[in-house]
Amino acid sequence: MAEPLITPELVALDLVAADRDEATRALIDLMVAAGRVTDADGFHADVRAREAQMATGMPGGIGLPHARSEHVTVPSLAVGRVPGGVDFGAPDGPATLVFLIAAPAGGDADHLKILAALARRLVHESFRSSILQAPSAGEVADIVNREVVPQ
């Protein structure tokens, strides 16, 4: 069986970050600890390069950093709730939810499927609220796996 896209270990419920770089790095560190990213600095550079092409903030308080990278071992998603908000360049202000998508360098189709499925759910306020109000990292992971992961 393939690894789940997200597990409770990839969820930060109360992420404190001064900026998008700090928020992204905290989520990358979760991926490294879970064995899904082999080189935190290398993957962070790939995410930063992608972010430099176009801001990944979405309306509704969402940051959606993502990258394909040779430092990623398995398609993964990390989620951070950032009560203080972090600027990801969205037109309506800071992101209080950050979803970091990591895909292996050769995983073009996986990366785009995850991004598209997540974006389709994020337009729904009820989905965003359920993530913000979930009482535990396990519940956040369950919601994402149920609502986003292609069956």
Foldseek 3Di string as FASTA:
>chain_A
DADQQEALLQEALEDEDPAPLRVVLVSLVSCVVVVFFQDSVQVSVQQVVVLVVDQQDEPPQEGEGEGAEQRGDAWHKHKYQHVVFHDRPYPVDGHRIYIYTYHHNPPPVVSVLQVVLVVVQVVDPVLVVQLNPPPGSRSNSVSCSVRRPDD
